[in-house]
Amino acid sequence: MPPTYVLARDHLERAATILQGTDSRSQQLRHIIERTIALMDDFRRQEAPENENILDLESIRRQRGII
């Protein structure tokens, strides 16, 4: 994972912590930041494995409709 990704995620987490107000704008901004963090985590899970010599037979079967 690139260091800029870790830094960006850290900044977003700090911003969400700062926005603990009860007014609607703070809540909306906090929700946007928390959703962005979740999307970053989802994207990271979808990245290709670093070792491309490994085959995921389960995903190949799903793609071919064998399962």
C-alpha atoms as a PDB file:
ATOM      1  CA  MET A   1       0.000   0.000   0.000  1.00  0.00           C
ATOM      2  CA  PRO A   2       1.529   3.356  -1.011  1.00  0.00           C
ATOM      3  CA  PRO A   3       2.471   5.725   1.828  1.00  0.00           C
ATOM      4  CA  THR A   4       0.311   8.469   0.293  1.00  0.00           C
ATOM      5  CA  TYR A   5      -2.730   6.200   0.649  1.00  0.00           C
ATOM      6  CA  VAL A   6      -1.995   5.653   4.342  1.00  0.00           C
ATOM      7  CA  LEU A   7      -1.441   9.366   4.866  1.00  0.00           C
ATOM      8  CA  ALA A   8      -4.657  10.320   3.055  1.00  0.00           C
ATOM      9  CA  ARG A   9      -6.660   7.801   5.069  1.00  0.00           C
ATOM     10  CA  ASP A  10      -5.110   9.090   8.299  1.00  0.00           C
ATOM     11  CA  HIS A  11      -6.055  12.679   7.424  1.00  0.00           C
ATOM     12  CA  LEU A  12      -9.628  11.647   6.641  1.00  0.00           C
ATOM     13  CA  GLU A  13      -9.919   9.802   9.948  1.00  0.00           C
ATOM     14  CA  ARG A  14      -8.656  12.880  11.812  1.00  0.00           C
ATOM     15  CA  ALA A  15     -11.117  15.113   9.956  1.00  0.00           C
ATOM     16  CA  ALA A  16     -14.000  12.795  10.855  1.00  0.00           C
ATOM     17  CA  THR A  17     -12.924  12.949  14.508  1.00  0.00           C
ATOM     18  CA  ILE A  18     -12.827  16.745  14.439  1.00  0.00           C
ATOM     19  CA  LEU A  19     -16.332  16.922  12.941  1.00  0.00           C
ATOM     20  CA  GLN A  20     -18.170  15.659  15.996  1.00  0.00           C
ATOM     21  CA  GLY A  21     -20.632  18.566  16.058  1.00  0.00           C
ATOM     22  CA  THR A  22     -24.378  18.013  16.137  1.00  0.00           C
ATOM     23  CA  ASP A  23     -25.253  20.547  13.443  1.00  0.00           C
ATOM     24  CA  SER A  24     -26.390  19.152  10.104  1.00  0.00           C
ATOM     25  CA  ARG A  25     -23.388  20.407   8.114  1.00  0.00           C
ATOM     26  CA  SER A  26     -20.915  18.712  10.452  1.00  0.00           C
ATOM     27  CA  GLN A  27     -22.923  15.498  10.308  1.00  0.00           C
ATOM     28  CA  GLN A  28     -23.088  15.607   6.502  1.00  0.00           C
ATOM     29  CA  LEU A  29     -19.353  16.245   6.176  1.00  0.00           C
ATOM     30  CA  ARG A  30     -18.558  13.500   8.677  1.00  0.00           C
ATOM     31  CA  HIS A  31     -20.772  11.094   6.729  1.00  0.00           C
ATOM     32  CA  ILE A  32     -19.020  11.998   3.457  1.00  0.00           C
ATOM     33  CA  ILE A  33     -15.603  11.477   5.032  1.00  0.00           C
ATOM     34  CA  GLU A  34     -16.585   8.160   6.616  1.00  0.00           C
ATOM     35  CA  ARG A  35     -18.038   6.950   3.301  1.00  0.00           C
ATOM     36  CA  THR A  36     -14.843   7.987   1.491  1.00  0.00           C
ATOM     37  CA  ILE A  37     -12.783   5.964   3.968  1.00  0.00           C
ATOM     38  CA  ALA A  38     -15.048   2.962   3.398  1.00  0.00           C
ATOM     39  CA  LEU A  39     -14.699   3.317  -0.380  1.00  0.00           C
ATOM     40  CA  MET A  40     -10.913   3.479  -0.034  1.00  0.00           C
ATOM     41  CA  ASP A  41     -10.989   0.248   1.977  1.00  0.00           C
ATOM     42  CA  ASP A  42     -13.230  -1.406  -0.636  1.00  0.00           C
ATOM     43  CA  PHE A  43     -10.891  -0.332  -3.427  1.00  0.00           C
ATOM     44  CA  ARG A  44      -7.892  -1.689  -1.562  1.00  0.00           C
ATOM     45  CA  ARG A  45      -9.583  -5.096  -1.197  1.00  0.00           C
ATOM     46  CA  GLN A  46     -10.292  -5.198  -4.945  1.00  0.00           C
ATOM     47  CA  GLU A  47      -6.689  -4.591  -5.973  1.00  0.00           C
ATOM     48  CA  ALA A  48      -4.972  -7.463  -7.762  1.00  0.00           C
ATOM     49  CA  PRO A  49      -2.728  -9.624  -5.638  1.00  0.00           C
ATOM     50  CA  GLU A  50       0.942  -8.714  -5.789  1.00  0.00           C
ATOM     51  CA  ASN A  51       1.970 -12.229  -6.735  1.00  0.00           C
ATOM     52  CA  GLU A  52       0.433 -12.780 -10.148  1.00  0.00           C
ATOM     53  CA  ASN A  53       1.627 -16.388 -10.266  1.00  0.00           C
ATOM     54  CA  ILE A  54      -1.269 -17.407  -8.022  1.00  0.00           C
ATOM     55  CA  LEU A  55      -4.556 -18.407  -9.630  1.00  0.00           C
ATOM     56  CA  ASP A  56      -7.850 -17.958  -7.841  1.00  0.00           C
ATOM     57  CA  LEU A  57      -9.676 -21.018  -9.116  1.00  0.00           C
ATOM     58  CA  GLU A  58     -12.885 -20.027  -7.342  1.00  0.00           C
ATOM     59  CA  SER A  59     -13.130 -16.745  -9.275  1.00  0.00           C
ATOM     60  CA  ILE A  60     -12.319 -18.494 -12.566  1.00  0.00           C
ATOM     61  CA  ARG A  61     -15.115 -20.991 -11.959  1.00  0.00           C
ATOM     62  CA  ARG A  62     -17.540 -18.163 -11.166  1.00  0.00           C
ATOM     63  CA  GLN A  63     -16.554 -16.291 -14.333  1.00  0.00           C
ATOM     64  CA  ARG A  64     -17.119 -19.381 -16.451  1.00  0.00           C
ATOM     65  CA  GLY A  65     -20.378 -20.226 -14.706  1.00  0.00           C
ATOM     66  CA  ILE A  66     -19.153 -23.591 -13.492  1.00  0.00           C
ATOM     67  CA  ILE A  67     -20.356 -23.030  -9.937  1.00  0.00           C
END
